[in-house]
């Protein structure tokens, strides 16, 4: 399933679309961490969690906020379809 995860190069440039506008989180807000065997992107700054479906990160603020209160260990693998 390695071909269905986000590449390190893409991970380096992707940012949370909500947190990227935060002015109180340093010079580079919205950085994302790949979790749950490459199935989710998590933003520490906003708390949003974005699913990766068929290798494509779903970077919609509404989608990220929907999973905000779900613990990382409780995020479903694979992410459910929309």
PDB file of N, CA and C in Angstrom:
ATOM      1  N   UNK A   1       0.811  -1.200   0.000  1.00  0.00           N
ATOM      2  CA  UNK A   1       0.000   0.000   0.000  1.00  0.00           C
ATOM      3  C   UNK A   1       0.852   1.261   0.000  1.00  0.00           C
ATOM      4  N   UNK A   2       2.148   1.113  -0.145  1.00  0.00           N
ATOM      5  CA  UNK A   2       3.035   2.262  -0.094  1.00  0.00           C
ATOM      6  C   UNK A   2       2.703   3.282  -1.188  1.00  0.00           C
ATOM      7  N   UNK A   3       2.130   2.827  -2.292  1.00  0.00           N
ATOM      8  CA  UNK A   3       1.812   3.751  -3.371  1.00  0.00           C
ATOM      9  C   UNK A   3       0.568   4.583  -3.077  1.00  0.00           C
ATOM     10  N   UNK A   4      -0.120   4.302  -1.983  1.00  0.00           N
ATOM     11  CA  UNK A   4      -1.333   5.038  -1.663  1.00  0.00           C
ATOM     12  C   UNK A   4      -1.129   6.028  -0.529  1.00  0.00           C
ATOM     13  N   UNK A   5       0.111   6.281  -0.150  1.00  0.00           N
ATOM     14  CA  UNK A   5       0.370   7.223   0.919  1.00  0.00           C
ATOM     15  C   UNK A   5       0.964   8.504   0.343  1.00  0.00           C
ATOM     16  N   UNK A   6       1.049   9.504   1.164  1.00  0.00           N
ATOM     17  CA  UNK A   6       1.567  10.804   0.749  1.00  0.00           C
ATOM     18  C   UNK A   6       3.093  10.749   0.736  1.00  0.00           C
ATOM     19  N   UNK A   7       3.690  11.226  -0.331  1.00  0.00           N
ATOM     20  CA  UNK A   7       5.143  11.226  -0.441  1.00  0.00           C
ATOM     21  C   UNK A   7       5.743  12.236   0.536  1.00  0.00           C
ATOM     22  N   UNK A   8       6.980  12.009   0.966  1.00  0.00           N
ATOM     23  CA  UNK A   8       7.635  12.971   1.861  1.00  0.00           C
ATOM     24  C   UNK A   8       7.717  14.375   1.248  1.00  0.00           C
ATOM     25  N   UNK A   9       7.907  14.458  -0.064  1.00  0.00           N
ATOM     26  CA  UNK A   9       7.975  15.772  -0.722  1.00  0.00           C
ATOM     27  C   UNK A   9       6.646  16.510  -0.632  1.00  0.00           C
ATOM     28  N   UNK A  10       5.542  15.797  -0.838  1.00  0.00           N
ATOM     29  CA  UNK A  10       4.223  16.410  -0.734  1.00  0.00           C
ATOM     30  C   UNK A  10       3.924  16.792   0.708  1.00  0.00           C
ATOM     31  N   UNK A  11       4.282  15.920   1.641  1.00  0.00           N
ATOM     32  CA  UNK A  11       4.059  16.204   3.056  1.00  0.00           C
ATOM     33  C   UNK A  11       4.791  17.479   3.480  1.00  0.00           C
ATOM     34  N   UNK A  12       5.939  17.720   2.901  1.00  0.00           N
ATOM     35  CA  UNK A  12       6.734  18.904   3.243  1.00  0.00           C
ATOM     36  C   UNK A  12       6.038  20.203   2.831  1.00  0.00           C
ATOM     37  N   UNK A  13       5.228  20.172   1.780  1.00  0.00           N
ATOM     38  CA  UNK A  13       4.579  21.412   1.327  1.00  0.00           C
ATOM     39  C   UNK A  13       3.112  21.539   1.744  1.00  0.00           C
ATOM     40  N   UNK A  14       2.457  20.423   2.052  1.00  0.00           N
ATOM     41  CA  UNK A  14       1.053  20.486   2.476  1.00  0.00           C
ATOM     42  C   UNK A  14       0.930  21.190   3.830  1.00  0.00           C
ATOM     43  N   UNK A  15      -0.123  21.987   3.971  1.00  0.00           N
ATOM     44  CA  UNK A  15      -0.426  22.639   5.238  1.00  0.00           C
ATOM     45  C   UNK A  15      -1.930  22.567   5.472  1.00  0.00           C
ATOM     46  N   UNK A  16      -2.321  22.565   6.727  1.00  0.00           N
ATOM     47  CA  UNK A  16      -3.732  22.600   7.086  1.00  0.00           C
ATOM     48  C   UNK A  16      -4.318  23.911   6.555  1.00  0.00           C
ATOM     49  N   UNK A  17      -5.389  23.831   5.760  1.00  0.00           N
ATOM     50  CA  UNK A  17      -5.955  25.046   5.180  1.00  0.00           C
ATOM     51  C   UNK A  17      -6.569  25.994   6.207  1.00  0.00           C
ATOM     52  N   UNK A  18      -6.853  25.513   7.393  1.00  0.00           N
ATOM     53  CA  UNK A  18      -7.363  26.389   8.453  1.00  0.00           C
ATOM     54  C   UNK A  18      -6.191  27.011   9.224  1.00  0.00           C
ATOM     55  N   UNK A  19      -5.270  26.181   9.672  1.00  0.00           N
ATOM     56  CA  UNK A  19      -4.188  26.646  10.539  1.00  0.00           C
ATOM     57  C   UNK A  19      -3.164  27.502   9.815  1.00  0.00           C
ATOM     58  N   UNK A  20      -3.084  27.393   8.514  1.00  0.00           N
ATOM     59  CA  UNK A  20      -2.095  28.170   7.764  1.00  0.00           C
ATOM     60  C   UNK A  20      -2.301  29.677   7.965  1.00  0.00           C
ATOM     61  N   UNK A  21      -3.488  30.073   8.377  1.00  0.00           N
ATOM     62  CA  UNK A  21      -3.798  31.485   8.598  1.00  0.00           C
ATOM     63  C   UNK A  21      -3.567  31.929  10.044  1.00  0.00           C
ATOM     64  N   UNK A  22      -3.238  30.990  10.925  1.00  0.00           N
ATOM     65  CA  UNK A  22      -3.015  31.339  12.334  1.00  0.00           C
ATOM     66  C   UNK A  22      -1.781  32.226  12.445  1.00  0.00           C
ATOM     67  N   UNK A  23      -1.876  33.271  13.243  1.00  0.00           N
ATOM     68  CA  UNK A  23      -0.742  34.181  13.418  1.00  0.00           C
ATOM     69  C   UNK A  23      -0.013  33.949  14.737  1.00  0.00           C
ATOM     70  N   UNK A  24      -0.537  33.045  15.558  1.00  0.00           N
ATOM     71  CA  UNK A  24       0.064  32.811  16.872  1.00  0.00           C
ATOM     72  C   UNK A  24       0.757  31.454  16.980  1.00  0.00           C
ATOM     73  N   UNK A  25       1.055  30.826  15.838  1.00  0.00           N
ATOM     74  CA  UNK A  25       1.646  29.486  15.845  1.00  0.00           C
ATOM     75  C   UNK A  25       3.024  29.444  15.185  1.00  0.00           C
ATOM     76  N   UNK A  26       3.750  30.547  15.226  1.00  0.00           N
ATOM     77  CA  UNK A  26       5.095  30.568  14.662  1.00  0.00           C
ATOM     78  C   UNK A  26       5.124  30.943  13.198  1.00  0.00           C
ATOM     79  N   UNK A  27       6.278  30.708  12.582  1.00  0.00           N
ATOM     80  CA  UNK A  27       6.510  31.124  11.196  1.00  0.00           C
ATOM     81  C   UNK A  27       5.951  30.172  10.153  1.00  0.00           C
ATOM     82  N   UNK A  28       5.608  28.946  10.557  1.00  0.00           N
ATOM     83  CA  UNK A  28       5.155  27.942   9.598  1.00  0.00           C
ATOM     84  C   UNK A  28       3.980  27.145  10.175  1.00  0.00           C
ATOM     85  N   UNK A  29       2.844  27.823  10.381  1.00  0.00           N
ATOM     86  CA  UNK A  29       1.708  27.130  10.987  1.00  0.00           C
ATOM     87  C   UNK A  29       1.065  26.142  10.023  1.00  0.00           C
ATOM     88  N   UNK A  30       0.400  25.142  10.604  1.00  0.00           N
ATOM     89  CA  UNK A  30      -0.379  24.212   9.792  1.00  0.00           C
ATOM     90  C   UNK A  30       0.374  23.001   9.287  1.00  0.00           C
ATOM     91  N   UNK A  31       1.575  22.765   9.794  1.00  0.00           N
ATOM     92  CA  UNK A  31       2.314  21.572   9.367  1.00  0.00           C
ATOM     93  C   UNK A  31       1.508  20.320   9.724  1.00  0.00           C
ATOM     94  N   UNK A  32       1.683  19.288   8.919  1.00  0.00           N
ATOM     95  CA  UNK A  32       0.901  18.069   9.065  1.00  0.00           C
ATOM     96  C   UNK A  32       1.796  16.877   9.377  1.00  0.00           C
ATOM     97  N   UNK A  33       1.250  15.960  10.161  1.00  0.00           N
ATOM     98  CA  UNK A  33       1.944  14.721  10.491  1.00  0.00           C
ATOM     99  C   UNK A  33       1.150  13.554   9.921  1.00  0.00           C
ATOM    100  N   UNK A  34       1.842  12.635   9.308  1.00  0.00           N
ATOM    101  CA  UNK A  34       1.233  11.443   8.738  1.00  0.00           C
ATOM    102  C   UNK A  34       1.095  10.398   9.844  1.00  0.00           C
ATOM    103  N   UNK A  35      -0.137   9.910  10.069  1.00  0.00           N
ATOM    104  CA  UNK A  35      -0.392   8.945  11.146  1.00  0.00           C
ATOM    105  C   UNK A  35      -1.247   7.785  10.637  1.00  0.00           C
ATOM    106  N   UNK A  36      -1.395   6.793  11.500  1.00  0.00           N
ATOM    107  CA  UNK A  36      -2.258   5.633  11.234  1.00  0.00           C
ATOM    108  C   UNK A  36      -1.867   4.946   9.918  1.00  0.00           C
ATOM    109  N   UNK A  37      -0.587   4.586   9.830  1.00  0.00           N
ATOM    110  CA  UNK A  37      -0.063   3.871   8.655  1.00  0.00           C
ATOM    111  C   UNK A  37      -0.293   4.629   7.355  1.00  0.00           C
ATOM    112  N   UNK A  38      -0.160   5.943   7.419  1.00  0.00           N
ATOM    113  CA  UNK A  38      -0.288   6.762   6.216  1.00  0.00           C
ATOM    114  C   UNK A  38      -1.700   6.994   5.747  1.00  0.00           C
ATOM    115  N   UNK A  39      -2.692   6.798   6.629  1.00  0.00           N
ATOM    116  CA  UNK A  39      -4.095   6.973   6.254  1.00  0.00           C
ATOM    117  C   UNK A  39      -4.677   8.318   6.662  1.00  0.00           C
ATOM    118  N   UNK A  40      -3.947   9.081   7.497  1.00  0.00           N
ATOM    119  CA  UNK A  40      -4.464  10.347   8.010  1.00  0.00           C
ATOM    120  C   UNK A  40      -3.356  11.390   8.104  1.00  0.00           C
ATOM    121  N   UNK A  41      -3.727  12.644   7.936  1.00  0.00           N
ATOM    122  CA  UNK A  41      -2.851  13.773   8.191  1.00  0.00           C
ATOM    123  C   UNK A  41      -3.426  14.528   9.379  1.00  0.00           C
ATOM    124  N   UNK A  42      -2.583  14.819  10.359  1.00  0.00           N
ATOM    125  CA  UNK A  42      -3.025  15.491  11.577  1.00  0.00           C
ATOM    126  C   UNK A  42      -2.277  16.808  11.721  1.00  0.00           C
ATOM    127  N   UNK A  43      -3.027  17.858  12.036  1.00  0.00           N
ATOM    128  CA  UNK A  43      -2.456  19.179  12.279  1.00  0.00           C
ATOM    129  C   UNK A  43      -2.509  19.464  13.774  1.00  0.00           C
ATOM    130  N   UNK A  44      -1.349  19.594  14.391  1.00  0.00           N
ATOM    131  CA  UNK A  44      -1.294  19.890  15.821  1.00  0.00           C
ATOM    132  C   UNK A  44      -1.834  21.294  16.108  1.00  0.00           C
ATOM    133  N   UNK A  45      -1.596  22.241  15.204  1.00  0.00           N
ATOM    134  CA  UNK A  45      -2.018  23.629  15.432  1.00  0.00           C
ATOM    135  C   UNK A  45      -3.531  23.789  15.510  1.00  0.00           C
ATOM    136  N   UNK A  46      -4.268  23.116  14.628  1.00  0.00           N
ATOM    137  CA  UNK A  46      -5.730  23.262  14.591  1.00  0.00           C
ATOM    138  C   UNK A  46      -6.447  22.098  15.268  1.00  0.00           C
ATOM    139  N   UNK A  47      -5.789  20.955  15.340  1.00  0.00           N
ATOM    140  CA  UNK A  47      -6.440  19.747  15.844  1.00  0.00           C
ATOM    141  C   UNK A  47      -7.198  19.000  14.755  1.00  0.00           C
ATOM    142  N   UNK A  48      -7.218  19.551  13.550  1.00  0.00           N
ATOM    143  CA  UNK A  48      -7.929  18.900  12.444  1.00  0.00           C
ATOM    144  C   UNK A  48      -7.197  17.634  12.005  1.00  0.00           C
ATOM    145  N   UNK A  49      -7.995  16.668  11.538  1.00  0.00           N
ATOM    146  CA  UNK A  49      -7.463  15.403  11.047  1.00  0.00           C
ATOM    147  C   UNK A  49      -8.080  15.144   9.677  1.00  0.00           C
ATOM    148  N   UNK A  50      -7.201  15.000   8.684  1.00  0.00           N
ATOM    149  CA  UNK A  50      -7.640  14.864   7.302  1.00  0.00           C
ATOM    150  C   UNK A  50      -7.409  13.443   6.794  1.00  0.00           C
ATOM    151  N   UNK A  51      -8.464  12.792   6.281  1.00  0.00           N
ATOM    152  CA  UNK A  51      -8.303  11.438   5.755  1.00  0.00           C
ATOM    153  C   UNK A  51      -7.570  11.447   4.413  1.00  0.00           C
ATOM    154  N   UNK A  52      -6.903  10.344   4.137  1.00  0.00           N
ATOM    155  CA  UNK A  52      -6.286  10.134   2.827  1.00  0.00           C
ATOM    156  C   UNK A  52      -7.043   8.974   2.203  1.00  0.00           C
ATOM    157  N   UNK A  53      -7.736   9.275   1.105  1.00  0.00           N
ATOM    158  CA  UNK A  53      -8.560   8.267   0.433  1.00  0.00           C
ATOM    159  C   UNK A  53      -7.975   7.975  -0.942  1.00  0.00           C
ATOM    160  N   UNK A  54      -7.678   6.729  -1.197  1.00  0.00           N
ATOM    161  CA  UNK A  54      -7.080   6.305  -2.480  1.00  0.00           C
ATOM    162  C   UNK A  54      -5.837   7.120  -2.799  1.00  0.00           C
ATOM    163  N   UNK A  55      -5.043   7.430  -1.784  1.00  0.00           N
ATOM    164  CA  UNK A  55      -3.803   8.165  -1.972  1.00  0.00           C
ATOM    165  C   UNK A  55      -3.955   9.663  -2.092  1.00  0.00           C
ATOM    166  N   UNK A  56      -5.182  10.171  -1.945  1.00  0.00           N
ATOM    167  CA  UNK A  56      -5.441  11.603  -2.107  1.00  0.00           C
ATOM    168  C   UNK A  56      -5.870  12.219  -0.779  1.00  0.00           C
ATOM    169  N   UNK A  57      -5.084  13.171  -0.256  1.00  0.00           N
ATOM    170  CA  UNK A  57      -5.480  13.838   0.986  1.00  0.00           C
ATOM    171  C   UNK A  57      -6.740  14.678   0.769  1.00  0.00           C
ATOM    172  N   UNK A  58      -7.722  14.507   1.647  1.00  0.00           N
ATOM    173  CA  UNK A  58      -8.959  15.288   1.571  1.00  0.00           C
ATOM    174  C   UNK A  58      -8.768  16.494   2.487  1.00  0.00           C
ATOM    175  N   UNK A  59      -8.299  17.599   1.902  1.00  0.00           N
ATOM    176  CA  UNK A  59      -7.881  18.770   2.666  1.00  0.00           C
ATOM    177  C   UNK A  59      -8.985  19.827   2.765  1.00  0.00           C
ATOM    178  N   UNK A  60     -10.195  19.388   3.043  1.00  0.00           N
ATOM    179  CA  UNK A  60     -11.313  20.304   3.229  1.00  0.00           C
ATOM    180  C   UNK A  60     -11.442  20.611   4.719  1.00  0.00           C
ATOM    181  N   UNK A  61     -11.577  21.874   5.063  1.00  0.00           N
ATOM    182  CA  UNK A  61     -11.658  22.261   6.472  1.00  0.00           C
ATOM    183  C   UNK A  61     -12.798  21.529   7.175  1.00  0.00           C
ATOM    184  N   UNK A  62     -13.965  21.463   6.546  1.00  0.00           N
ATOM    185  CA  UNK A  62     -15.112  20.771   7.160  1.00  0.00           C
ATOM    186  C   UNK A  62     -14.786  19.314   7.462  1.00  0.00           C
ATOM    187  N   UNK A  63     -14.057  18.661   6.558  1.00  0.00           N
ATOM    188  CA  UNK A  63     -13.689  17.257   6.766  1.00  0.00           C
ATOM    189  C   UNK A  63     -12.711  17.126   7.928  1.00  0.00           C
ATOM    190  N   UNK A  64     -11.731  17.996   7.988  1.00  0.00           N
ATOM    191  CA  UNK A  64     -10.758  17.967   9.073  1.00  0.00           C
ATOM    192  C   UNK A  64     -11.383  18.237  10.430  1.00  0.00           C
ATOM    193  N   UNK A  65     -12.323  19.178  10.468  1.00  0.00           N
ATOM    194  CA  UNK A  65     -12.997  19.522  11.724  1.00  0.00           C
ATOM    195  C   UNK A  65     -13.897  18.397  12.206  1.00  0.00           C
ATOM    196  N   UNK A  66     -14.453  17.642  11.274  1.00  0.00           N
ATOM    197  CA  UNK A  66     -15.352  16.539  11.624  1.00  0.00           C
ATOM    198  C   UNK A  66     -14.644  15.509  12.508  1.00  0.00           C
ATOM    199  N   UNK A  67     -13.347  15.348  12.338  1.00  0.00           N
ATOM    200  CA  UNK A  67     -12.570  14.338  13.063  1.00  0.00           C
ATOM    201  C   UNK A  67     -11.767  14.938  14.220  1.00  0.00           C
ATOM    202  N   UNK A  68     -11.925  16.217  14.471  1.00  0.00           N
ATOM    203  CA  UNK A  68     -11.117  16.932  15.464  1.00  0.00           C
ATOM    204  C   UNK A  68     -11.176  16.290  16.849  1.00  0.00           C
ATOM    205  N   UNK A  69     -12.339  15.853  17.268  1.00  0.00           N
ATOM    206  CA  UNK A  69     -12.499  15.296  18.613  1.00  0.00           C
ATOM    207  C   UNK A  69     -12.207  13.796  18.695  1.00  0.00           C
ATOM    208  N   UNK A  70     -11.828  13.187  17.599  1.00  0.00           N
ATOM    209  CA  UNK A  70     -11.495  11.766  17.581  1.00  0.00           C
ATOM    210  C   UNK A  70     -10.009  11.607  17.887  1.00  0.00           C
ATOM    211  N   UNK A  71      -9.691  10.776  18.864  1.00  0.00           N
ATOM    212  CA  UNK A  71      -8.289  10.514  19.201  1.00  0.00           C
ATOM    213  C   UNK A  71      -7.598   9.847  18.010  1.00  0.00           C
ATOM    214  N   UNK A  72      -6.322  10.139  17.824  1.00  0.00           N
ATOM    215  CA  UNK A  72      -5.570   9.563  16.714  1.00  0.00           C
ATOM    216  C   UNK A  72      -5.700   8.041  16.695  1.00  0.00           C
ATOM    217  N   UNK A  73      -5.585   7.414  17.844  1.00  0.00           N
ATOM    218  CA  UNK A  73      -5.677   5.953  17.910  1.00  0.00           C
ATOM    219  C   UNK A  73      -7.059   5.422  17.548  1.00  0.00           C
ATOM    220  N   UNK A  74      -8.070   6.288  17.562  1.00  0.00           N
ATOM    221  CA  UNK A  74      -9.435   5.877  17.235  1.00  0.00           C
ATOM    222  C   UNK A  74      -9.834   6.198  15.796  1.00  0.00           C
ATOM    223  N   UNK A  75      -8.953   6.835  15.026  1.00  0.00           N
ATOM    224  CA  UNK A  75      -9.268   7.136  13.630  1.00  0.00           C
ATOM    225  C   UNK A  75      -9.375   5.831  12.840  1.00  0.00           C
ATOM    226  N   UNK A  76     -10.440   5.674  12.061  1.00  0.00           N
ATOM    227  CA  UNK A  76     -10.634   4.415  11.344  1.00  0.00           C
ATOM    228  C   UNK A  76      -9.622   4.226  10.213  1.00  0.00           C
ATOM    229  N   UNK A  77      -9.162   2.992  10.060  1.00  0.00           N
ATOM    230  CA  UNK A  77      -8.246   2.633   8.989  1.00  0.00           C
ATOM    231  C   UNK A  77      -8.852   1.459   8.235  1.00  0.00           C
ATOM    232  N   UNK A  78      -9.092   1.650   6.939  1.00  0.00           N
ATOM    233  CA  UNK A  78      -8.916   2.882   6.184  1.00  0.00           C
ATOM    234  C   UNK A  78     -10.017   3.894   6.512  1.00  0.00           C
ATOM    235  N   UNK A  79      -9.786   5.161   6.164  1.00  0.00           N
ATOM    236  CA  UNK A  79     -10.823   6.167   6.412  1.00  0.00           C
ATOM    237  C   UNK A  79     -12.104   5.808   5.652  1.00  0.00           C
ATOM    238  N   UNK A  80     -13.257   6.097   6.247  1.00  0.00           N
ATOM    239  CA  UNK A  80     -14.521   5.813   5.556  1.00  0.00           C
ATOM    240  C   UNK A  80     -14.685   6.725   4.343  1.00  0.00           C
ATOM    241  N   UNK A  81     -15.391   6.233   3.364  1.00  0.00           N
ATOM    242  CA  UNK A  81     -15.690   7.055   2.192  1.00  0.00           C
ATOM    243  C   UNK A  81     -16.639   8.174   2.599  1.00  0.00           C
ATOM    244  N   UNK A  82     -16.592   9.262   1.886  1.00  0.00           N
ATOM    245  CA  UNK A  82     -17.427  10.430   2.210  1.00  0.00           C
ATOM    246  C   UNK A  82     -18.896  10.127   2.052  1.00  0.00           C
TER     247      UNK A  82
END
